[in-house]
N, C-alpha and C. Protein backbone atom coordinates (compact mmCIF):
# COMPACT_ATOMS: atom_id res chain seq x y z
N MET A 1 13.44 14.58 22.18
CA MET A 1 13.15 13.19 21.76
C MET A 1 11.36 13.52 22.17
N ALA A 2 11.30 14.86 22.67
CA ALA A 2 10.16 15.10 22.71
C ALA A 2 9.57 15.08 21.96
N LEU A 3 9.76 16.00 20.31
CA LEU A 3 9.04 15.94 19.40
C LEU A 3 8.75 14.54 18.52
N ALA A 4 9.64 13.54 19.08
CA ALA A 4 9.50 12.11 18.06
C ALA A 4 8.40 11.62 18.50
N TYR A 5 7.91 11.24 19.96
CA TYR A 5 6.99 10.81 20.88
C TYR A 5 5.66 11.98 20.40
N PHE A 6 5.42 12.97 20.09
CA PHE A 6 4.73 13.55 19.69
C PHE A 6 4.47 13.25 18.33
N LYS A 7 5.43 13.00 17.28
CA LYS A 7 4.99 12.81 15.95
C LYS A 7 4.19 11.55 15.77
N LEU A 8 5.07 10.35 17.14
CA LEU A 8 4.44 9.05 16.58
C LEU A 8 3.23 9.39 16.49
N ALA A 9 2.66 9.98 18.06
CA ALA A 9 1.44 10.17 18.67
C ALA A 9 0.29 10.45 17.22
N ILE A 10 0.71 11.52 16.48
CA ILE A 10 -0.01 11.81 15.28
C ILE A 10 -0.41 11.37 14.33
N ILE A 11 0.79 10.23 14.25
CA ILE A 11 0.97 9.11 13.11
C ILE A 11 0.38 8.20 13.67
N ALA A 12 -0.26 7.36 14.84
CA ALA A 12 -0.99 6.65 15.68
C ALA A 12 -2.73 7.43 15.37
N ALA A 13 -2.22 7.99 15.14
CA ALA A 13 -4.22 9.15 15.20
C ALA A 13 -4.25 9.23 13.99
N GLY A 14 -3.82 9.20 13.07
CA GLY A 14 -4.01 9.08 11.81
C GLY A 14 -4.40 7.90 10.66
N ILE A 15 -3.30 7.25 11.36
CA ILE A 15 -3.80 5.50 11.02
C ILE A 15 -4.92 5.18 11.29
N ASP A 16 -5.70 5.90 12.69
CA ASP A 16 -6.79 5.37 13.44
C ASP A 16 -7.78 6.20 12.83
N TYR A 17 -7.72 7.21 11.82
CA TYR A 17 -9.00 7.87 11.69
C TYR A 17 -9.28 7.55 9.44
N ARG A 18 -7.63 6.66 9.34
CA ARG A 18 -8.44 6.02 8.22
C ARG A 18 -8.88 4.92 8.17
N ARG A 19 -8.25 4.07 9.29
CA ARG A 19 -9.37 3.03 9.69
C ARG A 19 -10.81 3.46 9.45
N ARG A 20 -11.10 4.47 11.65
CA ARG A 20 -12.50 4.32 11.05
C ARG A 20 -13.40 5.06 9.82
N MET A 21 -12.28 5.77 8.70
CA MET A 21 -13.14 6.21 7.31
C MET A 21 -13.19 4.77 6.94
N SER A 22 -12.54 3.86 6.80
CA SER A 22 -12.34 2.86 5.79
C SER A 22 -13.83 1.40 6.15
N GLU A 23 -14.18 1.68 7.69
CA GLU A 23 -14.93 0.62 8.35
C GLU A 23 -16.28 1.33 7.66
N GLN A 24 -16.32 2.61 8.06
CA GLN A 24 -17.76 3.45 8.48
C GLN A 24 -17.72 3.37 6.49
N ALA A 25 -17.08 3.61 5.33
CA ALA A 25 -17.37 3.54 4.32
C ALA A 25 -17.82 1.71 3.76
N GLU A 26 -17.31 0.79 4.74
CA GLU A 26 -17.60 -0.93 4.61
C GLU A 26 -18.86 -1.04 4.89
N GLY A 27 -19.79 0.16 5.67
CA GLY A 27 -20.67 -0.32 6.60
C GLY A 27 -21.05 -0.39 7.92
N LYS A 28 -19.43 -0.93 8.19
CA LYS A 28 -19.13 -1.14 9.63
C LYS A 28 -19.50 0.49 10.84
N ASP A 29 -19.70 0.54 12.08
CA ASP A 29 -19.78 2.03 12.71
C ASP A 29 -19.37 1.08 13.81
N THR A 30 -17.99 1.05 14.29
CA THR A 30 -17.54 0.68 15.38
C THR A 30 -16.10 2.09 15.86
N ALA A 31 -16.74 2.04 17.48
CA ALA A 31 -15.78 3.37 17.89
C ALA A 31 -14.23 2.90 17.86
N ALA A 32 -13.55 4.30 17.89
CA ALA A 32 -12.27 3.99 18.13
C ALA A 32 -11.67 4.24 19.76
N GLU A 33 -11.71 2.83 19.78
CA GLU A 33 -11.91 3.20 21.53
C GLU A 33 -9.69 2.82 21.75
N SER A 34 -8.93 2.36 20.67
CA SER A 34 -7.48 1.80 21.17
C SER A 34 -6.92 3.28 20.93
N VAL A 35 -7.72 4.34 20.09
CA VAL A 35 -6.63 5.30 19.76
C VAL A 35 -5.90 6.41 21.04
N PRO A 36 -7.26 6.23 22.06
CA PRO A 36 -7.05 7.26 23.01
C PRO A 36 -5.51 6.51 24.07
N ASP A 37 -5.51 5.27 24.07
CA ASP A 37 -4.48 4.29 24.54
C ASP A 37 -3.35 4.52 24.04
N VAL A 38 -3.09 4.60 22.64
CA VAL A 38 -1.95 4.86 22.40
C VAL A 38 -1.42 6.23 22.70
N VAL A 39 -2.49 7.19 21.99
CA VAL A 39 -2.14 8.33 21.85
C VAL A 39 -1.92 8.95 23.44
N ALA A 40 -2.92 9.06 24.47
CA ALA A 40 -2.44 9.66 25.12
C ALA A 40 -0.93 9.18 26.25
N PRO A 41 -0.17 8.07 25.96
CA PRO A 41 0.83 7.88 26.55
C PRO A 41 2.33 8.84 25.74
N LEU A 42 2.02 8.20 24.81
CA LEU A 42 2.54 8.65 23.66
C LEU A 42 2.76 10.39 24.21
N ILE A 43 1.60 11.38 24.06
CA ILE A 43 1.70 12.87 24.45
C ILE A 43 2.31 13.14 26.08
N ALA A 44 2.28 11.86 26.60
CA ALA A 44 2.65 12.35 27.99
C ALA A 44 4.15 12.17 28.28
N ARG A 45 4.78 10.98 27.56
CA ARG A 45 6.10 11.16 27.46
C ARG A 45 6.67 12.18 27.15
N GLY A 46 6.67 12.12 26.17
CA GLY A 46 7.15 13.51 25.15
C GLY A 46 6.94 15.00 26.02
N LEU A 47 5.63 14.72 26.93
CA LEU A 47 5.66 16.38 27.82
C LEU A 47 6.40 15.88 28.90
N ALA A 48 6.86 14.69 29.57
CA ALA A 48 7.16 14.42 30.79
C ALA A 48 9.32 14.73 29.54
N GLU A 49 9.32 14.31 28.92
CA GLU A 49 10.67 14.96 28.09
C GLU A 49 11.22 16.12 28.26
N ILE A 50 10.08 17.43 27.79
CA ILE A 50 10.03 18.38 27.66
C ILE A 50 10.40 19.45 29.33
N ALA A 51 9.65 18.64 29.90
CA ALA A 51 9.59 18.86 31.32
C ALA A 51 11.12 18.75 32.21
N LYS A 52 11.42 17.60 31.56
CA LYS A 52 12.75 17.35 31.96
C LYS A 52 14.23 18.30 31.31
N LYS A 53 13.71 19.03 30.97
CA LYS A 53 14.78 19.73 29.71
C LYS A 53 14.42 20.44 30.06
N SER A 54 13.71 21.64 30.45
CA SER A 54 13.67 22.44 31.34
C SER A 54 13.55 22.65 32.63
N GLY A 55 13.56 21.70 33.88
CA GLY A 55 13.77 22.19 34.65
C GLY A 55 14.86 20.79 35.54
C-alpha cells in the first residue's frame, strides 16, 4: 500500500508540473500552492504504512 501512496504523489506532482508549464507558456505566472497540500499527505501516508509494517 505504501508504494501506491508514493505513486499517487508522483503522479500528482507530474500533473501539476505540466499544468504550471502550460500556464507559463500562456503567459500566466501562477505559483503551485496546491501541490504540497496533495503530495505531502500522500508521502506521509506511505511512510506511515512502511512504519506499520516494520514495527
